[in-house]
Amino acid sequence: MFSGLVSYRATVVERKDARGGNTLVLRCEGVAQEQPQVKDSIAVNGACLTATRIEGEEIWFDVVPETLARTDLGALQPGDLVNLEYSLRMGERLGGHFVYGHVDARAAVISRAPEGQGERVRIERPEALARAICEKAYVAVDGVSLTVAKTGPGWFEVAVIPETLVRTTIGHRPDGSFVNLEIDPFARYALAAMESR
């Protein structure tokens, strides 16, 4: 379980094929403070991955075909930056929203424009997720907890504050690049309950 408040980033050291999946090696910020262990869940660009090996600041992950199909992790190259969030501990403050790290879809960044001190970012809204991505709902974009500011046919917008632009990879996503989306888990369960009736 994660909060969507991304405090760390990581740099891709290596990504290699492994029987249809990938092995991903990251050099991670926060290792000394967070002290992750093998088998810990860590969100990488919003996707919950399991640490399989840790050496100093480098962490290894196995990325299975299902994760590659739903995320942008298969396109990562050495030197790329990713958002990193270590899993929540009991009793920690939850300042964002509940994020499972179960990415629903990849979506393209359509446009970005300055707005006040921050930016307004327009992102593709996949049809399968349209009912769950509505104004004032939460959405995790590359693992970052954001509030939907506006929606339209095939798109939604988020208003991103300067702190988020600086601390996460959101500030470095040009038009046409892809981000990982996870809808609010409460919306997921509500929609599933409605559809089952």
N, C-alpha and C. Protein backbone atom coordinates (compact mmCIF):
# COMPACT_ATOMS: atom_id res chain seq x y z
N MET A 1 0.85 -1.18 0.00
CA MET A 1 0.00 0.00 0.00
C MET A 1 0.89 1.24 0.00
N PHE A 2 0.49 2.23 -0.79
CA PHE A 2 1.26 3.45 -0.94
C PHE A 2 0.33 4.65 -0.76
N SER A 3 0.92 5.84 -0.68
CA SER A 3 0.13 7.05 -0.48
C SER A 3 0.07 7.94 -1.71
N GLY A 4 0.96 7.71 -2.67
CA GLY A 4 1.03 8.59 -3.84
C GLY A 4 1.81 9.86 -3.58
N LEU A 5 2.41 9.99 -2.39
CA LEU A 5 3.28 11.12 -2.09
C LEU A 5 4.72 10.68 -2.32
N VAL A 6 5.21 10.97 -3.49
CA VAL A 6 6.52 10.48 -3.92
C VAL A 6 7.61 11.37 -3.35
N SER A 7 8.50 10.78 -2.57
CA SER A 7 9.61 11.52 -1.96
C SER A 7 10.95 11.22 -2.60
N TYR A 8 11.01 10.16 -3.38
CA TYR A 8 12.30 9.72 -3.92
C TYR A 8 12.19 9.46 -5.42
N ARG A 9 13.38 9.47 -6.04
CA ARG A 9 13.48 9.04 -7.43
C ARG A 9 14.56 7.98 -7.53
N ALA A 10 14.58 7.31 -8.65
CA ALA A 10 15.62 6.30 -8.90
C ALA A 10 16.08 6.44 -10.34
N THR A 11 17.28 5.98 -10.60
CA THR A 11 17.85 6.00 -11.94
C THR A 11 17.99 4.56 -12.43
N VAL A 12 17.56 4.32 -13.66
CA VAL A 12 17.67 2.99 -14.25
C VAL A 12 19.14 2.70 -14.52
N VAL A 13 19.62 1.59 -13.95
CA VAL A 13 20.99 1.12 -14.19
C VAL A 13 20.99 0.13 -15.34
N GLU A 14 20.00 -0.77 -15.33
CA GLU A 14 19.94 -1.82 -16.35
C GLU A 14 18.52 -2.35 -16.46
N ARG A 15 18.13 -2.70 -17.68
CA ARG A 15 16.88 -3.42 -17.91
C ARG A 15 17.18 -4.48 -18.95
N LYS A 16 16.94 -5.74 -18.59
CA LYS A 16 17.25 -6.80 -19.55
C LYS A 16 16.12 -7.80 -19.61
N ASP A 17 15.98 -8.44 -20.78
CA ASP A 17 14.95 -9.44 -20.97
C ASP A 17 15.21 -10.66 -20.09
N ALA A 18 14.11 -11.23 -19.60
CA ALA A 18 14.22 -12.43 -18.78
C ALA A 18 12.99 -13.29 -19.01
N ARG A 19 13.07 -14.21 -19.99
CA ARG A 19 11.98 -15.16 -20.28
C ARG A 19 10.63 -14.47 -20.51
N GLY A 20 10.61 -13.44 -21.32
CA GLY A 20 9.36 -12.74 -21.62
C GLY A 20 9.08 -11.58 -20.70
N GLY A 21 9.74 -11.55 -19.56
CA GLY A 21 9.63 -10.42 -18.64
C GLY A 21 10.92 -9.61 -18.69
N ASN A 22 11.15 -8.82 -17.67
CA ASN A 22 12.37 -8.03 -17.57
C ASN A 22 12.95 -8.14 -16.18
N THR A 23 14.25 -7.96 -16.09
CA THR A 23 14.91 -7.70 -14.82
C THR A 23 15.30 -6.23 -14.84
N LEU A 24 14.91 -5.50 -13.81
CA LEU A 24 15.13 -4.07 -13.75
C LEU A 24 16.03 -3.78 -12.55
N VAL A 25 17.11 -3.04 -12.79
CA VAL A 25 18.03 -2.65 -11.72
C VAL A 25 17.99 -1.12 -11.62
N LEU A 26 17.72 -0.64 -10.41
CA LEU A 26 17.62 0.80 -10.17
C LEU A 26 18.60 1.23 -9.10
N ARG A 27 19.17 2.43 -9.27
CA ARG A 27 19.93 3.07 -8.21
C ARG A 27 18.96 4.01 -7.51
N CYS A 28 18.66 3.73 -6.26
CA CYS A 28 17.52 4.35 -5.57
C CYS A 28 17.93 5.35 -4.49
N GLU A 29 17.23 6.46 -4.46
CA GLU A 29 17.34 7.38 -3.33
C GLU A 29 16.61 6.75 -2.14
N GLY A 30 17.00 7.14 -0.93
CA GLY A 30 16.25 6.76 0.27
C GLY A 30 16.56 5.41 0.85
N VAL A 31 17.52 4.68 0.29
CA VAL A 31 17.81 3.34 0.80
C VAL A 31 18.29 3.40 2.25
N ALA A 32 19.18 4.34 2.55
CA ALA A 32 19.71 4.44 3.92
C ALA A 32 18.61 4.76 4.93
N GLN A 33 17.70 5.67 4.55
CA GLN A 33 16.62 6.07 5.47
C GLN A 33 15.54 4.99 5.59
N GLU A 34 15.14 4.42 4.48
CA GLU A 34 13.99 3.50 4.46
C GLU A 34 14.38 2.05 4.75
N GLN A 35 15.63 1.69 4.53
CA GLN A 35 16.15 0.35 4.78
C GLN A 35 15.26 -0.76 4.21
N PRO A 36 15.03 -0.74 2.90
CA PRO A 36 14.21 -1.80 2.30
C PRO A 36 14.89 -3.15 2.41
N GLN A 37 14.08 -4.19 2.39
CA GLN A 37 14.57 -5.56 2.47
C GLN A 37 14.10 -6.31 1.22
N VAL A 38 14.82 -7.39 0.90
CA VAL A 38 14.35 -8.27 -0.18
C VAL A 38 12.94 -8.73 0.19
N LYS A 39 12.05 -8.78 -0.78
CA LYS A 39 10.63 -9.13 -0.66
C LYS A 39 9.75 -7.93 -0.32
N ASP A 40 10.34 -6.74 -0.09
CA ASP A 40 9.53 -5.54 0.15
C ASP A 40 8.88 -5.08 -1.15
N SER A 41 7.69 -4.49 -1.02
CA SER A 41 7.01 -3.87 -2.16
C SER A 41 7.47 -2.43 -2.28
N ILE A 42 7.80 -2.03 -3.49
CA ILE A 42 8.25 -0.67 -3.78
C ILE A 42 7.55 -0.24 -5.07
N ALA A 43 6.97 0.96 -5.06
CA ALA A 43 6.29 1.46 -6.26
C ALA A 43 7.31 2.16 -7.16
N VAL A 44 7.37 1.72 -8.42
CA VAL A 44 8.25 2.29 -9.42
C VAL A 44 7.37 2.86 -10.52
N ASN A 45 7.37 4.19 -10.65
CA ASN A 45 6.45 4.88 -11.57
C ASN A 45 5.02 4.39 -11.36
N GLY A 46 4.69 4.13 -10.10
CA GLY A 46 3.32 3.74 -9.75
C GLY A 46 3.04 2.25 -9.80
N ALA A 47 3.98 1.45 -10.28
CA ALA A 47 3.76 0.00 -10.35
C ALA A 47 4.41 -0.67 -9.15
N CYS A 48 3.62 -1.45 -8.44
CA CYS A 48 4.13 -2.16 -7.26
C CYS A 48 5.01 -3.32 -7.71
N LEU A 49 6.30 -3.24 -7.35
CA LEU A 49 7.26 -4.29 -7.68
C LEU A 49 7.87 -4.83 -6.39
N THR A 50 8.38 -6.04 -6.45
CA THR A 50 8.99 -6.68 -5.29
C THR A 50 10.51 -6.66 -5.44
N ALA A 51 11.19 -6.17 -4.41
CA ALA A 51 12.66 -6.17 -4.41
C ALA A 51 13.15 -7.61 -4.32
N THR A 52 14.02 -8.00 -5.25
CA THR A 52 14.55 -9.36 -5.26
C THR A 52 16.01 -9.42 -4.82
N ARG A 53 16.68 -8.28 -4.86
CA ARG A 53 18.09 -8.22 -4.46
C ARG A 53 18.41 -6.76 -4.16
N ILE A 54 19.22 -6.53 -3.13
CA ILE A 54 19.61 -5.17 -2.75
C ILE A 54 21.11 -5.18 -2.47
N GLU A 55 21.82 -4.28 -3.16
CA GLU A 55 23.25 -4.09 -2.93
C GLU A 55 23.53 -2.60 -2.86
N GLY A 56 23.80 -2.10 -1.67
CA GLY A 56 24.01 -0.67 -1.51
C GLY A 56 22.76 0.09 -1.90
N GLU A 57 22.88 0.99 -2.85
CA GLU A 57 21.73 1.77 -3.32
C GLU A 57 21.06 1.16 -4.55
N GLU A 58 21.53 -0.01 -4.98
CA GLU A 58 20.94 -0.66 -6.15
C GLU A 58 19.96 -1.74 -5.72
N ILE A 59 18.77 -1.69 -6.36
CA ILE A 59 17.72 -2.67 -6.07
C ILE A 59 17.31 -3.35 -7.37
N TRP A 60 17.17 -4.68 -7.32
CA TRP A 60 16.75 -5.49 -8.46
C TRP A 60 15.26 -5.82 -8.33
N PHE A 61 14.57 -5.85 -9.47
CA PHE A 61 13.16 -6.20 -9.52
C PHE A 61 12.92 -7.12 -10.71
N ASP A 62 12.01 -8.09 -10.56
CA ASP A 62 11.52 -8.87 -11.69
C ASP A 62 10.22 -8.23 -12.15
N VAL A 63 10.14 -7.94 -13.45
CA VAL A 63 8.95 -7.30 -14.02
C VAL A 63 8.31 -8.32 -14.96
N VAL A 64 7.14 -8.83 -14.59
CA VAL A 64 6.49 -9.89 -15.34
C VAL A 64 5.73 -9.33 -16.55
N PRO A 65 5.39 -10.19 -17.53
CA PRO A 65 4.71 -9.72 -18.74
C PRO A 65 3.43 -8.91 -18.48
N GLU A 66 2.64 -9.28 -17.48
CA GLU A 66 1.42 -8.52 -17.17
C GLU A 66 1.75 -7.07 -16.83
N THR A 67 2.80 -6.87 -16.04
CA THR A 67 3.20 -5.50 -15.68
C THR A 67 3.74 -4.76 -16.90
N LEU A 68 4.51 -5.44 -17.73
CA LEU A 68 5.03 -4.81 -18.94
C LEU A 68 3.90 -4.39 -19.88
N ALA A 69 2.84 -5.19 -19.95
CA ALA A 69 1.72 -4.89 -20.85
C ALA A 69 0.92 -3.67 -20.39
N ARG A 70 0.86 -3.42 -19.09
CA ARG A 70 0.02 -2.34 -18.57
C ARG A 70 0.77 -1.06 -18.23
N THR A 71 2.09 -1.10 -18.24
CA THR A 71 2.88 0.05 -17.82
C THR A 71 3.88 0.46 -18.88
N ASP A 72 4.62 1.52 -18.57
CA ASP A 72 5.69 1.97 -19.46
C ASP A 72 7.06 1.44 -19.04
N LEU A 73 7.10 0.50 -18.10
CA LEU A 73 8.38 0.03 -17.58
C LEU A 73 9.23 -0.68 -18.62
N GLY A 74 8.60 -1.30 -19.61
CA GLY A 74 9.35 -2.00 -20.65
C GLY A 74 10.09 -1.08 -21.60
N ALA A 75 9.80 0.22 -21.56
CA ALA A 75 10.48 1.18 -22.43
C ALA A 75 11.63 1.90 -21.73
N LEU A 76 11.85 1.61 -20.45
CA LEU A 76 12.90 2.30 -19.70
C LEU A 76 14.28 1.96 -20.24
N GLN A 77 15.15 2.96 -20.22
CA GLN A 77 16.53 2.80 -20.67
C GLN A 77 17.49 3.24 -19.56
N PRO A 78 18.72 2.71 -19.54
CA PRO A 78 19.68 3.17 -18.54
C PRO A 78 19.80 4.69 -18.55
N GLY A 79 19.79 5.25 -17.36
CA GLY A 79 19.85 6.70 -17.20
C GLY A 79 18.50 7.37 -16.99
N ASP A 80 17.41 6.68 -17.36
CA ASP A 80 16.07 7.25 -17.15
C ASP A 80 15.78 7.39 -15.67
N LEU A 81 15.03 8.44 -15.32
CA LEU A 81 14.57 8.64 -13.95
C LEU A 81 13.17 8.09 -13.78
N VAL A 82 12.90 7.51 -12.62
CA VAL A 82 11.56 7.02 -12.28
C VAL A 82 11.19 7.50 -10.89
N ASN A 83 9.88 7.59 -10.64
CA ASN A 83 9.39 7.90 -9.30
C ASN A 83 9.49 6.64 -8.45
N LEU A 84 9.84 6.83 -7.17
CA LEU A 84 10.03 5.71 -6.26
C LEU A 84 9.30 6.00 -4.95
N GLU A 85 8.47 5.05 -4.51
CA GLU A 85 7.83 5.18 -3.20
C GLU A 85 7.93 3.85 -2.47
N TYR A 86 8.51 3.90 -1.28
CA TYR A 86 8.56 2.72 -0.43
C TYR A 86 7.18 2.54 0.20
N SER A 87 6.82 1.30 0.52
CA SER A 87 5.47 1.04 1.03
C SER A 87 5.25 1.70 2.39
N LEU A 88 3.97 1.99 2.66
CA LEU A 88 3.59 2.63 3.92
C LEU A 88 3.83 1.69 5.10
N ARG A 89 4.12 2.28 6.23
CA ARG A 89 4.19 1.53 7.48
C ARG A 89 2.96 1.88 8.30
N MET A 90 2.52 0.95 9.13
CA MET A 90 1.37 1.21 9.98
C MET A 90 1.64 2.45 10.84
N GLY A 91 0.63 3.31 10.91
CA GLY A 91 0.73 4.50 11.74
C GLY A 91 1.29 5.72 11.03
N GLU A 92 1.75 5.55 9.77
CA GLU A 92 2.26 6.71 9.04
C GLU A 92 1.11 7.59 8.57
N ARG A 93 1.39 8.87 8.44
CA ARG A 93 0.40 9.82 7.96
C ARG A 93 0.10 9.55 6.48
N LEU A 94 -1.17 9.55 6.12
CA LEU A 94 -1.58 9.35 4.73
C LEU A 94 -2.01 10.70 4.18
N GLY A 95 -1.13 11.32 3.42
CA GLY A 95 -1.43 12.66 2.92
C GLY A 95 -2.00 12.67 1.52
N GLY A 96 -1.85 11.59 0.79
CA GLY A 96 -2.36 11.52 -0.58
C GLY A 96 -3.66 10.74 -0.58
N HIS A 97 -3.67 9.61 -1.27
CA HIS A 97 -4.81 8.69 -1.22
C HIS A 97 -4.25 7.26 -1.28
N PHE A 98 -5.09 6.28 -1.02
CA PHE A 98 -4.60 4.90 -1.08
C PHE A 98 -4.25 4.55 -2.51
N VAL A 99 -3.01 4.12 -2.71
CA VAL A 99 -2.52 3.71 -4.01
C VAL A 99 -2.01 2.28 -3.84
N TYR A 100 -2.52 1.37 -4.66
CA TYR A 100 -2.12 -0.03 -4.56
C TYR A 100 -0.87 -0.36 -5.37
N GLY A 101 -0.59 0.44 -6.38
CA GLY A 101 0.50 0.10 -7.28
C GLY A 101 0.05 -0.88 -8.35
N HIS A 102 -1.27 -1.00 -8.53
CA HIS A 102 -1.83 -1.88 -9.56
C HIS A 102 -2.25 -1.00 -10.73
N VAL A 103 -1.34 -0.79 -11.64
CA VAL A 103 -1.54 0.14 -12.75
C VAL A 103 -2.64 -0.37 -13.67
N ASP A 104 -3.58 0.52 -14.01
CA ASP A 104 -4.70 0.16 -14.88
C ASP A 104 -4.37 0.31 -16.35
N ALA A 105 -3.58 1.33 -16.69
CA ALA A 105 -3.31 1.59 -18.11
C ALA A 105 -2.17 2.57 -18.27
N ARG A 106 -1.60 2.56 -19.48
CA ARG A 106 -0.68 3.61 -19.91
C ARG A 106 -1.51 4.66 -20.62
N ALA A 107 -1.10 5.90 -20.53
CA ALA A 107 -1.82 6.96 -21.24
C ALA A 107 -0.81 8.02 -21.69
N ALA A 108 -1.13 8.69 -22.79
CA ALA A 108 -0.22 9.70 -23.35
C ALA A 108 -0.46 11.06 -22.71
N VAL A 109 0.62 11.80 -22.52
CA VAL A 109 0.53 13.21 -22.15
C VAL A 109 0.15 13.96 -23.42
N ILE A 110 -0.96 14.68 -23.36
CA ILE A 110 -1.45 15.39 -24.56
C ILE A 110 -0.84 16.78 -24.63
N SER A 111 -0.86 17.51 -23.51
CA SER A 111 -0.31 18.86 -23.51
C SER A 111 -0.02 19.30 -22.09
N ARG A 112 0.78 20.34 -21.97
CA ARG A 112 1.05 20.94 -20.68
C ARG A 112 1.19 22.44 -20.89
N ALA A 113 0.72 23.19 -19.90
CA ALA A 113 0.75 24.64 -20.02
C ALA A 113 0.97 25.24 -18.64
N PRO A 114 1.72 26.35 -18.56
CA PRO A 114 1.91 27.02 -17.28
C PRO A 114 0.56 27.48 -16.72
N GLU A 115 0.40 27.37 -15.40
CA GLU A 115 -0.82 27.85 -14.75
C GLU A 115 -0.44 28.29 -13.33
N GLY A 116 -0.54 29.59 -13.08
CA GLY A 116 -0.10 30.10 -11.79
C GLY A 116 1.35 29.75 -11.57
N GLN A 117 1.67 29.22 -10.37
CA GLN A 117 3.04 28.81 -10.08
C GLN A 117 3.36 27.42 -10.63
N GLY A 118 2.35 26.69 -11.05
CA GLY A 118 2.53 25.31 -11.50
C GLY A 118 2.22 25.12 -12.96
N GLU A 119 1.64 23.96 -13.27
CA GLU A 119 1.29 23.62 -14.64
C GLU A 119 -0.04 22.89 -14.68
N ARG A 120 -0.73 23.03 -15.79
CA ARG A 120 -1.92 22.23 -16.09
C ARG A 120 -1.47 21.20 -17.11
N VAL A 121 -1.66 19.92 -16.77
CA VAL A 121 -1.24 18.83 -17.65
C VAL A 121 -2.48 18.07 -18.12
N ARG A 122 -2.62 17.93 -19.43
CA ARG A 122 -3.73 17.17 -20.02
C ARG A 122 -3.22 15.80 -20.43
N ILE A 123 -3.96 14.77 -20.01
CA ILE A 123 -3.56 13.38 -20.23
C ILE A 123 -4.71 12.62 -20.86
N GLU A 124 -4.37 11.69 -21.73
CA GLU A 124 -5.37 10.82 -22.36
C GLU A 124 -6.17 10.08 -21.27
N ARG A 125 -7.49 10.00 -21.47
CA ARG A 125 -8.35 9.26 -20.54
C ARG A 125 -8.88 8.03 -21.27
N PRO A 126 -8.29 6.85 -21.01
CA PRO A 126 -8.74 5.65 -21.70
C PRO A 126 -10.23 5.38 -21.45
N GLU A 127 -10.91 4.95 -22.48
CA GLU A 127 -12.36 4.74 -22.40
C GLU A 127 -12.73 3.79 -21.25
N ALA A 128 -11.95 2.75 -21.04
CA ALA A 128 -12.27 1.78 -19.99
C ALA A 128 -12.21 2.38 -18.59
N LEU A 129 -11.50 3.51 -18.44
CA LEU A 129 -11.35 4.15 -17.13
C LEU A 129 -12.16 5.43 -17.00
N ALA A 130 -12.88 5.80 -18.05
CA ALA A 130 -13.52 7.12 -18.10
C ALA A 130 -14.47 7.38 -16.93
N ARG A 131 -15.24 6.38 -16.52
CA ARG A 131 -16.21 6.61 -15.44
C ARG A 131 -15.53 6.81 -14.09
N ALA A 132 -14.33 6.31 -13.93
CA ALA A 132 -13.63 6.43 -12.64
C ALA A 132 -12.75 7.67 -12.58
N ILE A 133 -12.47 8.29 -13.72
CA ILE A 133 -11.65 9.50 -13.75
C ILE A 133 -12.57 10.68 -14.01
N CYS A 134 -13.08 11.24 -12.93
CA CYS A 134 -14.03 12.35 -13.02
C CYS A 134 -13.51 13.51 -12.17
N GLU A 135 -14.10 14.69 -12.39
CA GLU A 135 -13.64 15.87 -11.67
C GLU A 135 -13.62 15.66 -10.17
N LYS A 136 -12.53 16.08 -9.56
CA LYS A 136 -12.27 16.03 -8.11
C LYS A 136 -12.01 14.62 -7.59
N ALA A 137 -11.92 13.63 -8.48
CA ALA A 137 -11.53 12.28 -8.07
C ALA A 137 -10.01 12.22 -7.98
N TYR A 138 -9.52 11.25 -7.25
CA TYR A 138 -8.08 10.99 -7.22
C TYR A 138 -7.69 10.12 -8.40
N VAL A 139 -6.46 10.33 -8.86
CA VAL A 139 -5.85 9.44 -9.84
C VAL A 139 -4.36 9.43 -9.54
N ALA A 140 -3.73 8.27 -9.66
CA ALA A 140 -2.28 8.19 -9.51
C ALA A 140 -1.67 8.21 -10.91
N VAL A 141 -0.81 9.19 -11.15
CA VAL A 141 -0.13 9.35 -12.43
C VAL A 141 1.35 9.07 -12.18
N ASP A 142 1.87 7.99 -12.73
CA ASP A 142 3.23 7.53 -12.43
C ASP A 142 3.44 7.41 -10.92
N GLY A 143 2.37 7.00 -10.22
CA GLY A 143 2.45 6.79 -8.79
C GLY A 143 2.23 8.03 -7.95
N VAL A 144 2.02 9.19 -8.59
CA VAL A 144 1.83 10.45 -7.87
C VAL A 144 0.34 10.70 -7.66
N SER A 145 -0.05 10.90 -6.42
CA SER A 145 -1.45 11.18 -6.09
C SER A 145 -1.82 12.58 -6.57
N LEU A 146 -2.77 12.65 -7.50
CA LEU A 146 -3.23 13.94 -8.05
C LEU A 146 -4.74 13.97 -8.06
N THR A 147 -5.27 15.18 -8.07
CA THR A 147 -6.72 15.39 -8.15
C THR A 147 -7.08 15.79 -9.57
N VAL A 148 -8.12 15.17 -10.10
CA VAL A 148 -8.57 15.50 -11.45
C VAL A 148 -9.22 16.89 -11.41
N ALA A 149 -8.71 17.80 -12.22
CA ALA A 149 -9.21 19.18 -12.25
C ALA A 149 -10.33 19.37 -13.27
N LYS A 150 -10.25 18.62 -14.37
CA LYS A 150 -11.23 18.80 -15.44
C LYS A 150 -11.19 17.58 -16.34
N THR A 151 -12.33 17.26 -16.96
CA THR A 151 -12.37 16.15 -17.91
C THR A 151 -13.03 16.60 -19.21
N GLY A 152 -12.76 15.88 -20.26
CA GLY A 152 -13.39 16.12 -21.55
C GLY A 152 -13.37 14.83 -22.33
N PRO A 153 -13.85 14.86 -23.57
CA PRO A 153 -13.90 13.62 -24.35
C PRO A 153 -12.50 13.06 -24.62
N GLY A 154 -12.18 11.95 -23.95
CA GLY A 154 -10.91 11.28 -24.18
C GLY A 154 -9.74 11.87 -23.41
N TRP A 155 -9.97 12.82 -22.50
CA TRP A 155 -8.86 13.40 -21.75
C TRP A 155 -9.29 13.84 -20.36
N PHE A 156 -8.28 14.05 -19.50
CA PHE A 156 -8.50 14.70 -18.21
C PHE A 156 -7.30 15.59 -17.93
N GLU A 157 -7.49 16.53 -17.02
CA GLU A 157 -6.41 17.44 -16.66
C GLU A 157 -6.15 17.41 -15.17
N VAL A 158 -4.89 17.63 -14.82
CA VAL A 158 -4.49 17.78 -13.43
C VAL A 158 -3.74 19.09 -13.30
N ALA A 159 -3.93 19.77 -12.17
CA ALA A 159 -3.20 20.99 -11.87
C ALA A 159 -2.04 20.59 -10.95
N VAL A 160 -0.83 20.76 -11.43
CA VAL A 160 0.35 20.25 -10.72
C VAL A 160 1.10 21.41 -10.07
N ILE A 161 1.33 21.29 -8.76
CA ILE A 161 2.03 22.34 -8.02
C ILE A 161 3.53 22.26 -8.27
N PRO A 162 4.26 23.37 -8.03
CA PRO A 162 5.71 23.37 -8.30
C PRO A 162 6.47 22.28 -7.54
N GLU A 163 6.10 22.01 -6.28
CA GLU A 163 6.79 20.98 -5.50
C GLU A 163 6.73 19.62 -6.20
N THR A 164 5.58 19.27 -6.75
CA THR A 164 5.42 18.00 -7.47
C THR A 164 6.22 18.00 -8.76
N LEU A 165 6.25 19.14 -9.45
CA LEU A 165 7.02 19.23 -10.69
C LEU A 165 8.50 19.01 -10.44
N VAL A 166 9.00 19.51 -9.32
CA VAL A 166 10.42 19.39 -9.01
C VAL A 166 10.77 18.01 -8.44
N ARG A 167 9.90 17.47 -7.58
CA ARG A 167 10.21 16.25 -6.83
C ARG A 167 9.98 14.97 -7.63
N THR A 168 9.12 15.01 -8.64
CA THR A 168 8.75 13.80 -9.38
C THR A 168 9.09 13.93 -10.86
N THR A 169 8.85 12.85 -11.59
CA THR A 169 9.12 12.88 -13.03
C THR A 169 8.03 13.57 -13.83
N ILE A 170 6.92 13.95 -13.18
CA ILE A 170 5.82 14.63 -13.88
C ILE A 170 6.33 15.88 -14.60
N GLY A 171 7.26 16.57 -13.99
CA GLY A 171 7.81 17.79 -14.58
C GLY A 171 8.67 17.56 -15.81
N HIS A 172 8.97 16.30 -16.10
CA HIS A 172 9.86 15.97 -17.23
C HIS A 172 9.16 15.12 -18.29
N ARG A 173 7.84 15.10 -18.28
CA ARG A 173 7.11 14.29 -19.25
C ARG A 173 6.64 15.19 -20.40
N PRO A 174 7.30 15.13 -21.56
CA PRO A 174 6.88 15.98 -22.69
C PRO A 174 5.61 15.46 -23.35
N ASP A 175 5.00 16.30 -24.16
CA ASP A 175 3.83 15.88 -24.94
C ASP A 175 4.19 14.62 -25.73
N GLY A 176 3.27 13.66 -25.73
CA GLY A 176 3.48 12.42 -26.46
C GLY A 176 4.14 11.32 -25.65
N SER A 177 4.69 11.66 -24.49
CA SER A 177 5.27 10.63 -23.63
C SER A 177 4.15 9.90 -22.90
N PHE A 178 4.48 8.76 -22.31
CA PHE A 178 3.46 7.95 -21.65
C PHE A 178 3.65 7.95 -20.13
N VAL A 179 2.50 7.88 -19.44
CA VAL A 179 2.48 7.79 -17.98
C VAL A 179 1.63 6.59 -17.59
N ASN A 180 1.84 6.11 -16.37
CA ASN A 180 1.04 5.00 -15.84
C ASN A 180 -0.11 5.57 -15.02
N LEU A 181 -1.31 5.03 -15.22
CA LEU A 181 -2.50 5.50 -14.49
C LEU A 181 -3.04 4.40 -13.59
N GLU A 182 -3.41 4.80 -12.38
CA GLU A 182 -4.15 3.92 -11.48
C GLU A 182 -5.33 4.71 -10.93
N ILE A 183 -6.53 4.20 -11.14
CA ILE A 183 -7.72 4.88 -10.63
C ILE A 183 -7.80 4.70 -9.12
N ASP A 184 -8.57 5.55 -8.48
CA ASP A 184 -8.80 5.47 -7.04
C ASP A 184 -9.39 4.09 -6.72
N PRO A 185 -8.78 3.34 -5.79
CA PRO A 185 -9.30 2.01 -5.48
C PRO A 185 -10.76 2.01 -5.03
N PHE A 186 -11.20 3.06 -4.34
CA PHE A 186 -12.60 3.12 -3.91
C PHE A 186 -13.52 3.22 -5.13
N ALA A 187 -13.09 3.97 -6.14
CA ALA A 187 -13.87 4.07 -7.37
C ALA A 187 -13.93 2.71 -8.07
N ARG A 188 -12.81 1.99 -8.05
CA ARG A 188 -12.76 0.66 -8.68
C ARG A 188 -13.80 -0.27 -8.07
N TYR A 189 -13.87 -0.31 -6.73
CA TYR A 189 -14.81 -1.21 -6.07
C TYR A 189 -16.25 -0.75 -6.25
N ALA A 190 -16.48 0.57 -6.24
CA ALA A 190 -17.83 1.08 -6.45
C ALA A 190 -18.34 0.73 -7.85
N LEU A 191 -17.48 0.91 -8.85
CA LEU A 191 -17.87 0.60 -10.23
C LEU A 191 -18.12 -0.90 -10.40
N ALA A 192 -17.28 -1.73 -9.79
CA ALA A 192 -17.47 -3.18 -9.90
C ALA A 192 -18.78 -3.60 -9.25
N ALA A 193 -19.12 -2.99 -8.12
CA ALA A 193 -20.38 -3.32 -7.45
C ALA A 193 -21.58 -2.91 -8.29
N MET A 194 -21.49 -1.73 -8.90
CA MET A 194 -22.60 -1.25 -9.76
C MET A 194 -22.76 -2.14 -10.98
N GLU A 195 -21.65 -2.55 -11.58
CA GLU A 195 -21.71 -3.36 -12.80
C GLU A 195 -22.21 -4.78 -12.50
N SER A 196 -22.06 -5.26 -11.29
CA SER A 196 -22.49 -6.61 -10.95
C SER A 196 -24.00 -6.69 -10.73
N ARG A 197 -24.66 -5.54 -10.61
CA ARG A 197 -26.12 -5.55 -10.38
C ARG A 197 -26.88 -5.68 -11.67
